[in-house]
PDB file of all heavy atoms in Angstrom:
ATOM      1  N   VAL A   1      33.336  36.023   9.903  1.00  0.00           N
ATOM      2  CA  VAL A   1      34.251  36.910   9.180  1.00  0.00           C
ATOM      3  C   VAL A   1      33.710  38.339   9.215  1.00  0.00           C
ATOM      4  O   VAL A   1      32.502  38.562   9.144  1.00  0.00           O
ATOM      5  CB  VAL A   1      34.453  36.460   7.722  1.00  0.00           C
ATOM      6  CG1 VAL A   1      35.089  35.076   7.672  1.00  0.00           C
ATOM      7  CG2 VAL A   1      33.156  36.462   6.929  1.00  0.00           C
ATOM      8  N   SER A   2      34.634  39.295   9.303  1.00  0.00           N
ATOM      9  CA  SER A   2      34.253  40.701   9.414  1.00  0.00           C
ATOM     10  C   SER A   2      34.255  41.423   8.081  1.00  0.00           C
ATOM     11  O   SER A   2      34.130  42.651   8.049  1.00  0.00           O
ATOM     12  CB  SER A   2      35.211  41.413  10.379  1.00  0.00           C
ATOM     13  OG  SER A   2      36.559  41.257   9.939  1.00  0.00           O
ATOM     14  N   VAL A   3      34.419  40.689   6.984  1.00  0.00           N
ATOM     15  CA  VAL A   3      34.411  41.293   5.656  1.00  0.00           C
ATOM     16  C   VAL A   3      33.283  40.687   4.840  1.00  0.00           C
ATOM     17  O   VAL A   3      32.718  39.648   5.203  1.00  0.00           O
ATOM     18  CB  VAL A   3      35.765  41.077   4.935  1.00  0.00           C
ATOM     19  CG1 VAL A   3      36.893  41.759   5.700  1.00  0.00           C
ATOM     20  CG2 VAL A   3      36.062  39.594   4.745  1.00  0.00           C
ATOM     21  N   GLU A   4      32.964  41.328   3.727  1.00  0.00           N
ATOM     22  CA  GLU A   4      31.923  40.811   2.853  1.00  0.00           C
ATOM     23  C   GLU A   4      32.336  39.455   2.274  1.00  0.00           C
ATOM     24  O   GLU A   4      33.531  39.202   2.065  1.00  0.00           O
ATOM     25  CB  GLU A   4      31.659  41.787   1.704  1.00  0.00           C
ATOM     26  CG  GLU A   4      31.013  43.094   2.139  1.00  0.00           C
ATOM     27  CD  GLU A   4      29.637  42.855   2.760  1.00  0.00           C
ATOM     28  OE1 GLU A   4      28.865  42.046   2.202  1.00  0.00           O
ATOM     29  OE2 GLU A   4      29.343  43.470   3.795  1.00  0.00           O
ATOM     30  N   PRO A   5      31.365  38.560   2.024  1.00  0.00           N
ATOM     31  CA  PRO A   5      31.712  37.234   1.496  1.00  0.00           C
ATOM     32  C   PRO A   5      32.591  37.269   0.258  1.00  0.00           C
ATOM     33  O   PRO A   5      33.522  36.474   0.130  1.00  0.00           O
ATOM     34  CB  PRO A   5      30.340  36.608   1.203  1.00  0.00           C
ATOM     35  CG  PRO A   5      29.410  37.280   2.164  1.00  0.00           C
ATOM     36  CD  PRO A   5      29.914  38.689   2.297  1.00  0.00           C
ATOM     37  N   ALA A   6      32.321  38.196  -0.673  1.00  0.00           N
ATOM     38  CA  ALA A   6      33.122  38.269  -1.899  1.00  0.00           C
ATOM     39  C   ALA A   6      34.573  38.610  -1.580  1.00  0.00           C
ATOM     40  O   ALA A   6      35.503  38.044  -2.171  1.00  0.00           O
ATOM     41  CB  ALA A   6      32.526  39.287  -2.860  1.00  0.00           C
ATOM     42  N   LYS A   7      34.783  39.518  -0.647  1.00  0.00           N
ATOM     43  CA  LYS A   7      36.149  39.881  -0.272  1.00  0.00           C
ATOM     44  C   LYS A   7      36.826  38.730   0.459  1.00  0.00           C
ATOM     45  O   LYS A   7      38.018  38.454   0.251  1.00  0.00           O
ATOM     46  CB  LYS A   7      36.148  41.136   0.601  1.00  0.00           C
ATOM     47  CG  LYS A   7      37.548  41.591   0.975  1.00  0.00           C
ATOM     48  CD  LYS A   7      37.539  42.892   1.760  1.00  0.00           C
ATOM     49  CE  LYS A   7      38.956  43.324   2.102  1.00  0.00           C
ATOM     50  NZ  LYS A   7      38.971  44.603   2.877  1.00  0.00           N
ATOM     51  N   PHE A   8      36.078  38.055   1.329  1.00  0.00           N
ATOM     52  CA  PHE A   8      36.651  36.902   2.024  1.00  0.00           C
ATOM     53  C   PHE A   8      37.086  35.842   1.015  1.00  0.00           C
ATOM     54  O   PHE A   8      38.188  35.290   1.112  1.00  0.00           O
ATOM     55  CB  PHE A   8      35.623  36.320   2.996  1.00  0.00           C
ATOM     56  CG  PHE A   8      36.056  35.035   3.632  1.00  0.00           C
ATOM     57  CD1 PHE A   8      37.095  35.009   4.544  1.00  0.00           C
ATOM     58  CD2 PHE A   8      35.428  33.839   3.308  1.00  0.00           C
ATOM     59  CE1 PHE A   8      37.510  33.808   5.125  1.00  0.00           C
ATOM     60  CE2 PHE A   8      35.829  32.645   3.869  1.00  0.00           C
ATOM     61  CZ  PHE A   8      36.867  32.630   4.786  1.00  0.00           C
ATOM     62  N   ALA A   9      36.235  35.567   0.028  1.00  0.00           N
ATOM     63  CA  ALA A   9      36.552  34.546  -0.972  1.00  0.00           C
ATOM     64  C   ALA A   9      37.778  34.933  -1.791  1.00  0.00           C
ATOM     65  O   ALA A   9      38.630  34.087  -2.093  1.00  0.00           O
ATOM     66  CB  ALA A   9      35.347  34.322  -1.886  1.00  0.00           C
ATOM     67  N   ALA A  10      37.892  36.212  -2.154  1.00  0.00           N
ATOM     68  CA  ALA A  10      38.976  36.645  -3.035  1.00  0.00           C
ATOM     69  C   ALA A  10      40.291  36.844  -2.304  1.00  0.00           C
ATOM     70  O   ALA A  10      41.358  36.496  -2.824  1.00  0.00           O
ATOM     71  CB  ALA A  10      38.570  37.942  -3.741  1.00  0.00           C
ATOM     72  N   ALA A  11      40.233  37.381  -1.087  1.00  0.00           N
ATOM     73  CA  ALA A  11      41.468  37.798  -0.418  1.00  0.00           C
ATOM     74  C   ALA A  11      41.957  36.825   0.645  1.00  0.00           C
ATOM     75  O   ALA A  11      43.146  36.843   0.981  1.00  0.00           O
ATOM     76  CB  ALA A  11      41.259  39.186   0.213  1.00  0.00           C
ATOM     77  N   HIS A  12      41.075  35.978   1.171  1.00  0.00           N
ATOM     78  CA  HIS A  12      41.470  35.161   2.318  1.00  0.00           C
ATOM     79  C   HIS A  12      41.275  33.659   2.112  1.00  0.00           C
ATOM     80  O   HIS A  12      42.135  32.862   2.512  1.00  0.00           O
ATOM     81  CB  HIS A  12      40.698  35.609   3.562  1.00  0.00           C
ATOM     82  CG  HIS A  12      40.994  37.015   3.974  1.00  0.00           C
ATOM     83  ND1 HIS A  12      42.151  37.380   4.628  1.00  0.00           N
ATOM     84  CD2 HIS A  12      40.284  38.161   3.796  1.00  0.00           C
ATOM     85  CE1 HIS A  12      42.154  38.684   4.847  1.00  0.00           C
ATOM     86  NE2 HIS A  12      41.027  39.180   4.355  1.00  0.00           N
ATOM     87  N   TRP A  13      40.154  33.244   1.523  1.00  0.00           N
ATOM     88  CA  TRP A  13      39.837  31.825   1.429  1.00  0.00           C
ATOM     89  C   TRP A  13      40.986  31.054   0.779  1.00  0.00           C
ATOM     90  O   TRP A  13      41.334  31.274  -0.373  1.00  0.00           O
ATOM     91  CB  TRP A  13      38.546  31.639   0.638  1.00  0.00           C
ATOM     92  CG  TRP A  13      38.155  30.214   0.399  1.00  0.00           C
ATOM     93  CD1 TRP A  13      38.212  29.537  -0.795  1.00  0.00           C
ATOM     94  CD2 TRP A  13      37.642  29.283   1.350  1.00  0.00           C
ATOM     95  NE1 TRP A  13      37.756  28.244  -0.643  1.00  0.00           N
ATOM     96  CE2 TRP A  13      37.414  28.056   0.663  1.00  0.00           C
ATOM     97  CE3 TRP A  13      37.360  29.361   2.715  1.00  0.00           C
ATOM     98  CZ2 TRP A  13      36.908  26.934   1.296  1.00  0.00           C
ATOM     99  CZ3 TRP A  13      36.858  28.234   3.346  1.00  0.00           C
ATOM    100  CH2 TRP A  13      36.628  27.037   2.651  1.00  0.00           C
ATOM    101  N   GLY A  14      41.593  30.163   1.545  1.00  0.00           N
ATOM    102  CA  GLY A  14      42.677  29.342   1.039  1.00  0.00           C
ATOM    103  C   GLY A  14      44.001  30.061   0.900  1.00  0.00           C
ATOM    104  O   GLY A  14      44.980  29.461   0.435  1.00  0.00           O
ATOM    105  N   HIS A  15      44.087  31.355   1.319  1.00  0.00           N
ATOM    106  CA  HIS A  15      45.309  32.131   1.098  1.00  0.00           C
ATOM    107  C   HIS A  15      45.915  32.691   2.382  1.00  0.00           C
ATOM    108  O   HIS A  15      47.056  32.366   2.722  1.00  0.00           O
ATOM    109  CB  HIS A  15      45.033  33.295   0.129  1.00  0.00           C
ATOM    110  CG  HIS A  15      44.574  32.871  -1.218  1.00  0.00           C
ATOM    111  ND1 HIS A  15      45.350  32.106  -2.064  1.00  0.00           N
ATOM    112  CD2 HIS A  15      43.408  33.099  -1.881  1.00  0.00           C
ATOM    113  CE1 HIS A  15      44.691  31.880  -3.182  1.00  0.00           C
ATOM    114  NE2 HIS A  15      43.506  32.464  -3.096  1.00  0.00           N
ATOM    115  N   THR A  16      45.174  33.544   3.073  1.00  0.00           N
ATOM    116  CA  THR A  16      45.747  34.256   4.214  1.00  0.00           C
ATOM    117  C   THR A  16      44.778  34.257   5.395  1.00  0.00           C
ATOM    118  O   THR A  16      43.562  34.221   5.218  1.00  0.00           O
ATOM    119  CB  THR A  16      46.064  35.722   3.851  1.00  0.00           C
ATOM    120  OG1 THR A  16      44.864  36.370   3.438  1.00  0.00           O
ATOM    121  CG2 THR A  16      47.098  35.797   2.745  1.00  0.00           C
ATOM    122  N   PRO A  17      45.320  34.319   6.620  1.00  0.00           N
ATOM    123  CA  PRO A  17      44.460  34.377   7.812  1.00  0.00           C
ATOM    124  C   PRO A  17      43.640  35.666   7.839  1.00  0.00           C
ATOM    125  O   PRO A  17      43.982  36.660   7.196  1.00  0.00           O
ATOM    126  CB  PRO A  17      45.460  34.336   8.973  1.00  0.00           C
ATOM    127  CG  PRO A  17      46.713  33.756   8.407  1.00  0.00           C
ATOM    128  CD  PRO A  17      46.748  34.224   6.980  1.00  0.00           C
ATOM    129  N   LEU A  18      42.565  35.626   8.604  1.00  0.00           N
ATOM    130  CA  LEU A  18      41.731  36.804   8.822  1.00  0.00           C
ATOM    131  C   LEU A  18      41.321  36.844  10.285  1.00  0.00           C
ATOM    132  O   LEU A  18      40.691  35.908  10.787  1.00  0.00           O
ATOM    133  CB  LEU A  18      40.486  36.765   7.936  1.00  0.00           C
ATOM    134  CG  LEU A  18      39.443  37.860   8.192  1.00  0.00           C
ATOM    135  CD1 LEU A  18      40.022  39.243   7.879  1.00  0.00           C
ATOM    136  CD2 LEU A  18      38.166  37.612   7.395  1.00  0.00           C
ATOM    137  N   LEU A  19      41.689  37.909  10.959  1.00  0.00           N
ATOM    138  CA  LEU A  19      41.271  38.147  12.348  1.00  0.00           C
ATOM    139  C   LEU A  19      40.054  39.053  12.341  1.00  0.00           C
ATOM    140  O   LEU A  19      40.069  40.132  11.738  1.00  0.00           O
ATOM    141  CB  LEU A  19      42.406  38.794  13.141  1.00  0.00           C
ATOM    142  CG  LEU A  19      42.062  39.258  14.562  1.00  0.00           C
ATOM    143  CD1 LEU A  19      41.701  38.072  15.455  1.00  0.00           C
ATOM    144  CD2 LEU A  19      43.224  40.053  15.160  1.00  0.00           C
ATOM    145  N   SER A  20      38.980  38.623  13.011  1.00  0.00           N
ATOM    146  CA  SER A  20      37.752  39.421  13.108  1.00  0.00           C
ATOM    147  C   SER A  20      37.441  39.622  14.586  1.00  0.00           C
ATOM    148  O   SER A  20      37.165  38.659  15.309  1.00  0.00           O
ATOM    149  CB  SER A  20      36.583  38.713  12.414  1.00  0.00           C
ATOM    150  OG  SER A  20      36.853  38.483  11.046  1.00  0.00           O
ATOM    151  N   ARG A  21      37.524  40.864  15.020  1.00  0.00           N
ATOM    152  CA  ARG A  21      37.227  41.167  16.421  1.00  0.00           C
ATOM    153  C   ARG A  21      35.716  41.191  16.658  1.00  0.00           C
ATOM    154  O   ARG A  21      34.929  41.443  15.747  1.00  0.00           O
ATOM    155  CB  ARG A  21      37.841  42.512  16.816  1.00  0.00           C
ATOM    156  CG  ARG A  21      39.368  42.533  16.818  1.00  0.00           C
ATOM    157  CD  ARG A  21      39.929  41.581  17.854  1.00  0.00           C
ATOM    158  NE  ARG A  21      41.374  41.729  18.017  1.00  0.00           N
ATOM    159  CZ  ARG A  21      42.110  40.961  18.806  1.00  0.00           C
ATOM    160  NH1 ARG A  21      41.530  39.978  19.500  1.00  0.00           N
ATOM    161  NH2 ARG A  21      43.403  41.146  18.910  1.00  0.00           N
ATOM    162  N   ALA A  22      35.335  40.942  17.914  1.00  0.00           N
ATOM    163  CA  ALA A  22      33.918  40.855  18.259  1.00  0.00           C
ATOM    164  C   ALA A  22      33.160  42.110  17.831  1.00  0.00           C
ATOM    165  O   ALA A  22      32.030  42.027  17.338  1.00  0.00           O
ATOM    166  CB  ALA A  22      33.763  40.618  19.758  1.00  0.00           C
ATOM    167  N   ALA A  23      33.778  43.274  18.004  1.00  0.00           N
ATOM    168  CA  ALA A  23      33.100  44.527  17.668  1.00  0.00           C
ATOM    169  C   ALA A  23      32.835  44.653  16.181  1.00  0.00           C
ATOM    170  O   ALA A  23      31.984  45.454  15.761  1.00  0.00           O
ATOM    171  CB  ALA A  23      33.938  45.710  18.152  1.00  0.00           C
ATOM    172  N   GLU A  24      33.554  43.881  15.351  1.00  0.00           N
ATOM    173  CA  GLU A  24      33.383  43.947  13.901  1.00  0.00           C
ATOM    174  C   GLU A  24      32.354  42.938  13.393  1.00  0.00           C
ATOM    175  O   GLU A  24      32.024  42.941  12.199  1.00  0.00           O
ATOM    176  CB  GLU A  24      34.712  43.668  13.206  1.00  0.00           C
ATOM    177  CG  GLU A  24      35.836  44.614  13.610  1.00  0.00           C
ATOM    178  CD  GLU A  24      37.176  44.170  13.063  1.00  0.00           C
ATOM    179  OE1 GLU A  24      37.599  43.026  13.362  1.00  0.00           O
ATOM    180  OE2 GLU A  24      37.780  44.956  12.310  1.00  0.00           O
ATOM    181  N   LEU A  25      31.871  42.069  14.271  1.00  0.00           N
ATOM    182  CA  LEU A  25      30.950  41.006  13.884  1.00  0.00           C
ATOM    183  C   LEU A  25      29.523  41.379  14.262  1.00  0.00           C
ATOM    184  O   LEU A  25      29.312  42.217  15.159  1.00  0.00           O
ATOM    185  CB  LEU A  25      31.370  39.693  14.545  1.00  0.00           C
ATOM    186  CG  LEU A  25      32.747  39.174  14.098  1.00  0.00           C
ATOM    187  CD1 LEU A  25      33.172  37.963  14.933  1.00  0.00           C
ATOM    188  CD2 LEU A  25      32.747  38.817  12.618  1.00  0.00           C
ATOM    189  N   PRO A  26      28.531  40.765  13.640  1.00  0.00           N
ATOM    190  CA  PRO A  26      27.139  41.206  13.837  1.00  0.00           C
ATOM    191  C   PRO A  26      26.600  40.954  15.228  1.00  0.00           C
ATOM    192  O   PRO A  26      25.660  41.619  15.648  1.00  0.00           O
ATOM    193  CB  PRO A  26      26.361  40.413  12.788  1.00  0.00           C
ATOM    194  CG  PRO A  26      27.229  39.251  12.450  1.00  0.00           C
ATOM    195  CD  PRO A  26      28.638  39.745  12.592  1.00  0.00           C
ATOM    196  N   ASP A  27      27.144  39.978  15.959  1.00  0.00           N
ATOM    197  CA  ASP A  27      26.652  39.675  17.297  1.00  0.00           C
ATOM    198  C   ASP A  27      27.792  39.841  18.292  1.00  0.00           C
ATOM    199  O   ASP A  27      28.522  38.886  18.583  1.00  0.00           O
ATOM    200  CB  ASP A  27      26.101  38.244  17.355  1.00  0.00           C
ATOM    201  CG  ASP A  27      25.412  37.944  18.678  1.00  0.00           C
ATOM    202  OD1 ASP A  27      25.466  38.808  19.579  1.00  0.00           O
ATOM    203  OD2 ASP A  27      24.815  36.868  18.817  1.00  0.00           O
ATOM    204  N   PRO A  28      27.995  41.037  18.828  1.00  0.00           N
ATOM    205  CA  PRO A  28      29.130  41.276  19.734  1.00  0.00           C
ATOM    206  C   PRO A  28      29.032  40.519  21.047  1.00  0.00           C
ATOM    207  O   PRO A  28      29.991  40.485  21.817  1.00  0.00           O
ATOM    208  CB  PRO A  28      29.083  42.797  19.957  1.00  0.00           C
ATOM    209  CG  PRO A  28      27.664  43.175  19.693  1.00  0.00           C
ATOM    210  CD  PRO A  28      27.167  42.237  18.635  1.00  0.00           C
ATOM    211  N   THR A  29      27.879  39.891  21.321  1.00  0.00           N
ATOM    212  CA  THR A  29      27.756  39.106  22.554  1.00  0.00           C
ATOM    213  C   THR A  29      28.545  37.808  22.463  1.00  0.00           C
ATOM    214  O   THR A  29      28.737  37.128  23.474  1.00  0.00           O
ATOM    215  CB  THR A  29      26.285  38.790  22.865  1.00  0.00           C
ATOM    216  OG1 THR A  29      25.733  38.012  21.783  1.00  0.00           O
ATOM    217  CG2 THR A  29      25.483  40.068  23.011  1.00  0.00           C
ATOM    218  N   GLY A  30      28.989  37.440  21.263  1.00  0.00           N
ATOM    219  CA  GLY A  30      29.855  36.278  21.143  1.00  0.00           C
ATOM    220  C   GLY A  30      29.139  35.025  20.675  1.00  0.00           C
ATOM    221  O   GLY A  30      28.154  35.081  19.944  1.00  0.00           O
ATOM    222  N   PHE A  31      29.644  33.877  21.161  1.00  0.00           N
ATOM    223  CA  PHE A  31      29.211  32.583  20.641  1.00  0.00           C
ATOM    224  C   PHE A  31      28.622  31.664  21.717  1.00  0.00           C
ATOM    225  O   PHE A  31      28.465  30.469  21.492  1.00  0.00           O
ATOM    226  CB  PHE A  31      30.403  31.886  19.977  1.00  0.00           C
ATOM    227  CG  PHE A  31      31.060  32.707  18.901  1.00  0.00           C
ATOM    228  CD1 PHE A  31      32.280  33.338  19.123  1.00  0.00           C
ATOM    229  CD2 PHE A  31      30.442  32.886  17.674  1.00  0.00           C
ATOM    230  CE1 PHE A  31      32.883  34.101  18.136  1.00  0.00           C
ATOM    231  CE2 PHE A  31      31.025  33.647  16.675  1.00  0.00           C
ATOM    232  CZ  PHE A  31      32.260  34.258  16.910  1.00  0.00           C
ATOM    233  N   THR A  32      28.288  32.218  22.877  1.00  0.00           N
ATOM    234  CA  THR A  32      27.787  31.364  23.960  1.00  0.00           C
ATOM    235  C   THR A  32      26.415  30.779  23.655  1.00  0.00           C
ATOM    236  O   THR A  32      26.003  29.804  24.297  1.00  0.00           O
ATOM    237  CB  THR A  32      27.720  32.139  25.287  1.00  0.00           C
ATOM    238  OG1 THR A  32      26.978  33.352  25.100  1.00  0.00           O
ATOM    239  CG2 THR A  32      29.113  32.477  25.789  1.00  0.00           C
ATOM    240  N   ASP A  33      25.698  31.357  22.672  1.00  0.00           N
ATOM    241  CA  ASP A  33      24.429  30.739  22.269  1.00  0.00           C
ATOM    242  C   ASP A  33      24.661  29.423  21.538  1.00  0.00           C
ATOM    243  O   ASP A  33      23.779  28.561  21.491  1.00  0.00           O
ATOM    244  CB  ASP A  33      23.624  31.692  21.398  1.00  0.00           C
ATOM    245  CG  ASP A  33      24.352  32.050  20.106  1.00  0.00           C
ATOM    246  OD1 ASP A  33      25.547  32.394  20.180  1.00  0.00           O
ATOM    247  OD2 ASP A  33      23.730  31.973  19.031  1.00  0.00           O
TER     248      ASP A  33
END
């Protein structure tokens, strides 16, 4: 998730989708590891 955990819990968890682009995430190399 590209937002702080508290914001994710309040605004998205169980309510609405959240799109997080690679550039917004801590490891822009992705998930191949």
